[in-house]
Amino acid sequence: MHAASIRRALLRWYERAQRDLPWRRTTAPYAIWISEIMLQQTRVAAVIPYYERFLASFPNAKALARAPEAKVLAAWSGLGYYSRARNLQKAALQILDHGGFPKDHDSIRELAGIGDYTAAAIASIAFGLPYAAVDGNVRRVIVRLLNNNGADLQIEADGLLDRGDPGRWNQAMMELGATVCLPRDPHCGECPLARQCGARRNGTQNELPAKRAKPTPERLTRTLLAIFRRGRILLVPSLRVKGFWELPEPFEGVQVGKMLREFRHTITHRHYRFIVREATAEDVPKTSRWCGLERLGDMPLSTIARKALAWNAQRRADNHFP
């Protein structure tokens, strides 16, 4: 590859085509770290409101480290992959012990929940350190540029890196993969690197990178129960996400009534159909708790619970509680 011409073309394109994203308006390592963790396996559009609310609630590592875990999980609820939120708190404690956010790559890499990509992204964007960040978007760009599914991605990324402004370069590579060099039907006609792209020359852009084998999908149906008592609803610890609460599934002695709603939810290869029904019960599970309907927003509810309770706002507006 002609690295110099690739750098010039990509950076010119990035200057005019980059999206205006809130984490691109700062070089504060704490804010960049939060954004990078949130963006793992999560769409940009979904992250933006969470990012802004999270920083408002936890503006620095001290606030995050000292917050109750339930409050952090509640702020994260809906983003999924909740180990990320727990690792944020662990890393915030490490940052406090360190005396501030670490400024070198190796120390950043030692923080809980941070891998090679995230360490390189923070080091380059916040501190201008020459580390190439390789995520799924960058992988796709490099594999197609080389027309080589077996390329050593880190070596190739290091060779392309603009060491004069590594943070800007890493963001440009990620932006290209996120908006132009898409997994399916890449926009080759809009790509600033079309002339240098080996896959485009060989017509293999839709075949690379090679698809990884996916687990066989499972289709499952579950019933969730909305059990009300004096303006409160029964919640149980989530069986799927540690530290979160959900509506109970049928248990011994419960009387199941009418259906309230139905929704679908996917977790990796498991495709769930959830049916929410009203129910009554004299005795409830020992691990359960009653929560006032007005306090549901403060609870760390799983995404499934939030979907199940989507009708609650309307019920409250109508002052209609069982």
Protein backbone atom coordinates (compact mmCIF):
# COMPACT_ATOMS: atom_id res chain seq x y z
CA MET A 1 0.00 0.00 0.00
CA HIS A 2 1.07 3.58 -0.62
CA ALA A 3 0.67 4.79 2.95
CA ALA A 4 1.36 8.48 2.28
CA SER A 5 -1.28 8.79 -0.46
CA ILE A 6 -3.79 6.85 1.66
CA ARG A 7 -3.23 9.20 4.58
CA ARG A 8 -3.69 12.31 2.45
CA ALA A 9 -6.86 11.04 0.80
CA LEU A 10 -8.47 9.77 3.98
CA LEU A 11 -7.71 12.82 6.11
CA ARG A 12 -8.99 15.21 3.43
CA TRP A 13 -12.21 13.19 3.30
CA TYR A 14 -12.51 13.08 7.10
CA GLU A 15 -12.13 16.82 7.37
CA ARG A 16 -15.30 17.39 5.36
CA ALA A 17 -17.30 14.22 6.04
CA GLN A 18 -16.90 13.50 9.76
CA ARG A 19 -20.04 13.37 11.87
CA ASP A 20 -20.46 15.90 14.66
CA LEU A 21 -20.37 13.59 17.67
CA PRO A 22 -20.20 14.87 21.26
CA TRP A 23 -17.07 12.90 22.20
CA ARG A 24 -15.22 14.46 19.26
CA ARG A 25 -15.56 17.88 20.90
CA THR A 26 -13.21 17.00 23.74
CA THR A 27 -9.78 15.58 24.42
CA ALA A 28 -10.60 14.87 28.09
CA PRO A 29 -9.48 11.28 28.71
CA TYR A 30 -12.34 10.52 31.11
CA ALA A 31 -15.01 11.54 28.58
CA ILE A 32 -13.25 9.73 25.73
CA TRP A 33 -12.96 6.60 27.87
CA ILE A 34 -16.70 6.64 28.68
CA SER A 35 -17.58 7.04 25.00
CA GLU A 36 -15.28 4.24 23.87
CA ILE A 37 -16.72 1.79 26.40
CA MET A 38 -20.28 2.72 25.47
CA LEU A 39 -19.56 2.36 21.75
CA GLN A 40 -18.44 -1.25 22.12
CA GLN A 41 -21.01 -3.30 20.16
CA THR A 42 -23.50 -0.43 20.37
CA ARG A 43 -24.74 1.92 17.63
CA VAL A 44 -23.64 5.56 17.73
CA ALA A 45 -27.23 6.85 17.63
CA ALA A 46 -28.11 4.77 20.70
CA VAL A 47 -25.02 5.87 22.62
CA ILE A 48 -25.35 9.67 22.30
CA PRO A 49 -28.18 10.23 24.84
CA TYR A 50 -26.67 7.72 27.26
CA TYR A 51 -23.25 9.37 26.99
CA GLU A 52 -24.61 12.82 27.75
CA ARG A 53 -26.75 11.65 30.69
CA PHE A 54 -23.94 9.51 32.11
CA LEU A 55 -21.46 12.40 32.12
CA ALA A 56 -24.07 14.64 33.73
CA SER A 57 -24.57 12.07 36.52
CA PHE A 58 -20.91 11.03 36.84
CA PRO A 59 -18.77 13.94 35.57
CA ASN A 60 -15.46 12.49 36.75
CA ALA A 61 -13.80 9.34 38.05
CA LYS A 62 -14.37 10.31 41.68
CA ALA A 63 -18.12 10.65 41.18
CA LEU A 64 -18.26 7.35 39.31
CA ALA A 65 -16.14 5.45 41.82
CA ARG A 66 -18.21 6.59 44.81
CA ALA A 67 -21.66 6.14 43.27
CA PRO A 68 -23.83 3.19 44.38
CA GLU A 69 -23.58 0.36 41.87
CA ALA A 70 -27.37 0.37 41.47
CA LYS A 71 -27.27 4.00 40.35
CA VAL A 72 -24.55 3.25 37.76
CA LEU A 73 -26.45 0.23 36.46
CA ALA A 74 -29.65 2.27 36.26
CA ALA A 75 -27.85 4.91 34.17
CA TRP A 76 -26.52 2.13 31.92
CA SER A 77 -29.82 0.26 31.65
CA GLY A 78 -30.74 -0.28 28.02
CA LEU A 79 -27.19 -0.27 26.64
CA GLY A 80 -26.66 -3.98 27.30
CA TYR A 81 -23.41 -5.85 28.03
CA TYR A 82 -23.63 -4.71 31.64
CA SER A 83 -20.20 -5.97 32.64
CA ARG A 84 -19.01 -2.79 30.90
CA ALA A 85 -20.71 -0.64 33.57
CA ARG A 86 -19.25 -2.69 36.42
CA ASN A 87 -15.79 -2.47 34.89
CA LEU A 88 -16.17 1.29 34.58
CA GLN A 89 -16.59 1.52 38.33
CA LYS A 90 -13.63 -0.78 38.95
CA ALA A 91 -11.49 1.30 36.60
CA ALA A 92 -12.66 4.53 38.25
CA LEU A 93 -11.31 3.23 41.55
CA GLN A 94 -8.02 2.38 39.83
CA ILE A 95 -7.88 5.91 38.41
CA LEU A 96 -8.34 7.38 41.89
CA ASP A 97 -5.58 5.13 43.25
CA HIS A 98 -3.37 6.25 40.38
CA GLY A 99 -3.91 9.90 41.29
CA GLY A 100 -5.69 10.71 38.03
CA PHE A 101 -6.30 9.28 34.61
CA PRO A 102 -3.10 7.50 33.46
CA LYS A 103 -1.32 9.23 30.60
CA ASP A 104 0.66 6.35 29.10
CA HIS A 105 -0.63 3.49 26.98
CA ASP A 106 0.46 0.61 29.21
CA SER A 107 -1.16 2.09 32.31
CA ILE A 108 -4.38 2.78 30.40
CA ARG A 109 -4.34 -0.84 29.19
CA GLU A 110 -4.25 -2.05 32.81
CA LEU A 111 -7.58 -0.43 33.69
CA ALA A 112 -10.50 -2.83 34.16
CA GLY A 113 -12.46 -3.50 30.99
CA ILE A 114 -9.90 -1.97 28.63
CA GLY A 115 -8.39 -4.03 25.82
CA ASP A 116 -5.86 -3.28 23.10
CA TYR A 117 -8.25 -1.32 20.89
CA THR A 118 -9.67 0.88 23.67
CA ALA A 119 -6.23 1.60 25.14
CA ALA A 120 -4.94 2.66 21.71
CA ALA A 121 -8.00 4.82 21.06
CA ILE A 122 -7.75 6.68 24.38
CA ALA A 123 -3.96 7.04 24.21
CA SER A 124 -4.06 8.47 20.70
CA ILE A 125 -7.14 10.71 20.98
CA ALA A 126 -6.58 12.07 24.49
CA PHE A 127 -2.78 12.19 24.60
CA GLY A 128 -1.62 12.08 20.97
CA LEU A 129 0.36 8.88 21.51
CA PRO A 130 1.26 6.89 18.35
CA TYR A 131 -0.90 3.78 18.76
CA ALA A 132 -3.09 2.43 15.96
CA ALA A 133 -6.57 1.41 17.12
CA VAL A 134 -8.01 -1.65 15.38
CA ASP A 135 -11.72 -2.27 15.88
CA GLY A 136 -14.18 -4.05 13.59
CA ASN A 137 -14.50 -1.03 11.31
CA VAL A 138 -10.75 -0.62 10.92
CA ARG A 139 -10.33 -4.35 10.36
CA ARG A 140 -12.80 -4.23 7.49
CA VAL A 141 -11.08 -1.23 5.86
CA ILE A 142 -7.62 -2.82 6.03
CA VAL A 143 -8.72 -6.28 4.83
CA ARG A 144 -10.41 -4.71 1.82
CA LEU A 145 -7.55 -2.33 1.06
CA LEU A 146 -5.17 -5.30 0.95
CA ASN A 147 -7.72 -7.74 -0.48
CA ASN A 148 -6.34 -10.12 2.10
CA ASN A 149 -8.49 -11.72 4.77
CA GLY A 150 -5.42 -13.12 6.54
CA ALA A 151 -3.49 -9.85 6.91
CA ASP A 152 -1.76 -9.07 10.20
CA LEU A 153 -4.06 -6.21 11.05
CA GLN A 154 -2.03 -4.58 13.81
CA ILE A 155 1.16 -4.51 11.73
CA GLU A 156 -0.70 -3.04 8.75
CA ALA A 157 -2.51 -0.49 10.93
CA ASP A 158 0.77 0.56 12.54
CA GLY A 159 2.26 1.08 9.08
CA LEU A 160 -0.62 3.32 8.00
CA LEU A 161 -0.77 5.36 11.22
CA ASP A 162 -0.31 9.11 10.90
CA ARG A 163 2.14 9.65 13.74
CA GLY A 164 1.77 13.40 13.48
CA ASP A 165 -1.88 13.21 14.60
CA PRO A 166 -2.67 9.61 15.57
CA GLY A 167 -5.97 10.44 17.27
CA ARG A 168 -7.38 12.12 14.19
CA TRP A 169 -6.12 9.28 12.01
CA ASN A 170 -7.70 6.57 14.15
CA GLN A 171 -11.02 8.41 14.14
CA ALA A 172 -10.84 8.83 10.35
CA MET A 173 -10.29 5.10 9.86
CA MET A 174 -13.18 4.25 12.17
CA GLU A 175 -15.41 6.81 10.47
CA LEU A 176 -14.69 5.35 7.04
CA GLY A 177 -15.62 1.87 8.21
CA ALA A 178 -18.74 3.09 10.02
CA THR A 179 -20.19 5.24 7.24
CA VAL A 180 -18.73 4.15 3.86
CA CYS A 181 -16.87 0.82 4.01
CA LEU A 182 -19.94 -0.94 5.38
CA PRO A 183 -20.17 -4.69 6.07
CA ARG A 184 -22.86 -5.10 3.41
CA ASP A 185 -23.07 -3.09 0.21
CA PRO A 186 -20.13 -0.76 0.86
CA HIS A 187 -20.43 2.69 -0.74
CA CYS A 188 -17.37 2.29 -2.93
CA GLY A 189 -18.38 5.20 -5.17
CA GLU A 190 -18.08 7.54 -2.17
CA CYS A 191 -14.86 6.07 -0.77
CA PRO A 192 -11.78 8.32 -0.72
CA LEU A 193 -9.60 5.19 -0.93
CA ALA A 194 -11.38 3.55 -3.87
CA ARG A 195 -8.32 3.88 -6.15
CA GLN A 196 -6.06 2.17 -3.61
CA CYS A 197 -8.53 -0.57 -2.66
CA GLY A 198 -7.48 -4.07 -3.69
CA ALA A 199 -10.90 -5.57 -2.98
CA ARG A 200 -12.64 -3.05 -5.25
CA ARG A 201 -10.20 -3.78 -8.06
CA ASN A 202 -10.87 -7.50 -7.71
CA GLY A 203 -14.60 -7.23 -7.09
CA THR A 204 -14.33 -8.92 -3.69
CA GLN A 205 -15.52 -6.07 -1.47
CA ASN A 206 -18.76 -7.89 -0.61
CA GLU A 207 -16.89 -11.08 0.28
CA LEU A 208 -14.35 -9.51 2.64
CA PRO A 209 -13.79 -9.82 5.49
CA ALA A 210 -14.88 -13.44 5.40
CA LYS A 211 -18.01 -14.03 7.45
CA ARG A 212 -17.49 -15.76 10.76
CA ALA A 213 -19.66 -18.75 11.60
CA LYS A 214 -22.66 -17.76 13.70
CA PRO A 215 -24.34 -19.90 16.37
CA THR A 216 -27.57 -21.59 15.39
CA PRO A 217 -30.42 -19.22 16.32
CA GLU A 218 -32.82 -20.26 19.08
CA ARG A 219 -36.42 -19.06 19.24
CA LEU A 220 -37.89 -18.98 22.75
CA THR A 221 -41.17 -17.85 24.29
CA ARG A 222 -41.38 -16.57 27.87
CA THR A 223 -44.22 -15.18 30.01
CA LEU A 224 -43.63 -12.21 32.33
CA LEU A 225 -46.07 -11.31 35.11
CA ALA A 226 -47.22 -7.83 36.12
CA ILE A 227 -48.30 -8.24 39.74
CA PHE A 228 -49.60 -5.05 41.36
CA ARG A 229 -50.34 -4.28 44.99
CA ARG A 230 -51.31 -0.84 46.33
CA GLY A 231 -49.56 1.14 43.61
CA ARG A 232 -46.49 -1.09 43.60
CA ILE A 233 -45.27 -3.75 41.20
CA LEU A 234 -43.38 -6.95 41.98
CA LEU A 235 -39.81 -7.25 40.70
CA VAL A 236 -37.35 -10.13 40.92
CA PRO A 237 -33.56 -10.31 40.36
CA SER A 238 -32.84 -10.85 36.68
CA LEU A 239 -31.89 -14.37 35.68
CA ARG A 240 -30.11 -13.00 32.62
CA VAL A 241 -28.28 -9.88 33.85
CA LYS A 242 -26.64 -9.77 37.29
CA GLY A 243 -27.55 -6.75 39.40
CA PHE A 244 -30.72 -5.90 37.45
CA TRP A 245 -34.41 -6.41 38.12
CA GLU A 246 -37.17 -7.84 35.94
CA LEU A 247 -40.79 -8.91 36.08
CA PRO A 248 -41.21 -12.44 37.45
CA GLU A 249 -41.99 -15.45 35.33
CA PRO A 250 -44.78 -17.82 36.49
CA PHE A 251 -44.18 -19.34 39.93
CA GLU A 252 -46.08 -21.66 42.27
CA GLY A 253 -49.38 -20.26 43.51
CA VAL A 254 -49.65 -17.36 41.08
CA GLN A 255 -52.96 -16.66 39.31
CA VAL A 256 -52.33 -15.53 35.71
CA GLY A 257 -54.79 -13.12 34.08
CA LYS A 258 -55.20 -11.15 30.86
CA MET A 259 -52.41 -10.33 28.43
CA LEU A 260 -51.11 -6.76 28.58
CA ARG A 261 -48.66 -6.78 25.72
CA GLU A 262 -46.22 -8.83 23.65
CA PHE A 263 -42.75 -7.91 22.43
CA ARG A 264 -39.62 -9.45 20.97
CA HIS A 265 -36.05 -9.19 22.19
CA THR A 266 -32.81 -10.71 20.93
CA ILE A 267 -29.74 -11.59 23.01
CA THR A 268 -26.94 -12.79 20.68
CA HIS A 269 -28.43 -15.84 18.93
CA ARG A 270 -31.48 -16.20 21.20
CA HIS A 271 -34.65 -14.64 19.81
CA TYR A 272 -37.24 -14.21 22.55
CA ARG A 273 -40.98 -13.63 22.33
CA PHE A 274 -42.15 -12.20 25.65
CA ILE A 275 -45.80 -12.15 26.68
CA VAL A 276 -46.68 -9.85 29.58
CA ARG A 277 -49.75 -10.81 31.63
CA GLU A 278 -51.43 -9.39 34.70
CA ALA A 279 -51.35 -11.71 37.68
CA THR A 280 -52.12 -11.96 41.39
CA ALA A 281 -50.40 -13.90 44.16
CA GLU A 282 -50.76 -14.25 47.92
CA ASP A 283 -47.20 -15.45 48.47
CA VAL A 284 -44.30 -14.11 46.39
CA PRO A 285 -40.69 -15.33 45.97
CA LYS A 286 -38.41 -14.45 48.89
CA THR A 287 -35.89 -12.76 46.58
CA SER A 288 -38.54 -10.41 45.12
CA ARG A 289 -39.29 -6.83 46.11
CA TRP A 290 -42.18 -4.42 45.70
CA CYS A 291 -41.36 -1.19 43.88
CA GLY A 292 -43.52 1.92 43.71
CA LEU A 293 -44.50 2.68 40.12
CA GLU A 294 -43.18 6.22 40.48
CA ARG A 295 -39.74 4.86 41.44
CA LEU A 296 -39.24 2.52 38.50
CA GLY A 297 -37.06 5.11 36.76
CA ASP A 298 -34.55 4.89 39.61
CA MET A 299 -34.29 1.11 39.51
CA PRO A 300 -31.63 -0.78 37.53
CA LEU A 301 -34.14 -2.46 35.23
CA SER A 302 -32.99 -4.79 32.48
CA THR A 303 -33.81 -3.91 28.88
CA ILE A 304 -36.38 -6.71 28.94
CA ALA A 305 -38.06 -5.16 31.99
CA ARG A 306 -38.11 -1.72 30.37
CA LYS A 307 -39.76 -3.13 27.27
CA ALA A 308 -42.24 -5.06 29.40
CA LEU A 309 -43.15 -1.91 31.35
CA ALA A 310 -43.40 0.40 28.35
CA TRP A 311 -47.13 0.77 28.93
CA ASN A 312 -46.62 1.92 32.54
CA ALA A 313 -46.30 5.61 31.68
CA GLN A 314 -49.71 5.59 30.04
CA ARG A 315 -51.27 3.72 32.97
CA ARG A 316 -49.85 6.34 35.34
CA ALA A 317 -51.07 9.14 33.10
CA ASP A 318 -54.56 7.64 33.23
CA ASN A 319 -54.29 7.11 37.03
CA HIS A 320 -55.26 3.50 36.40
CA PHE A 321 -53.54 1.07 38.71
CA PRO A 322 -54.85 -2.35 39.62
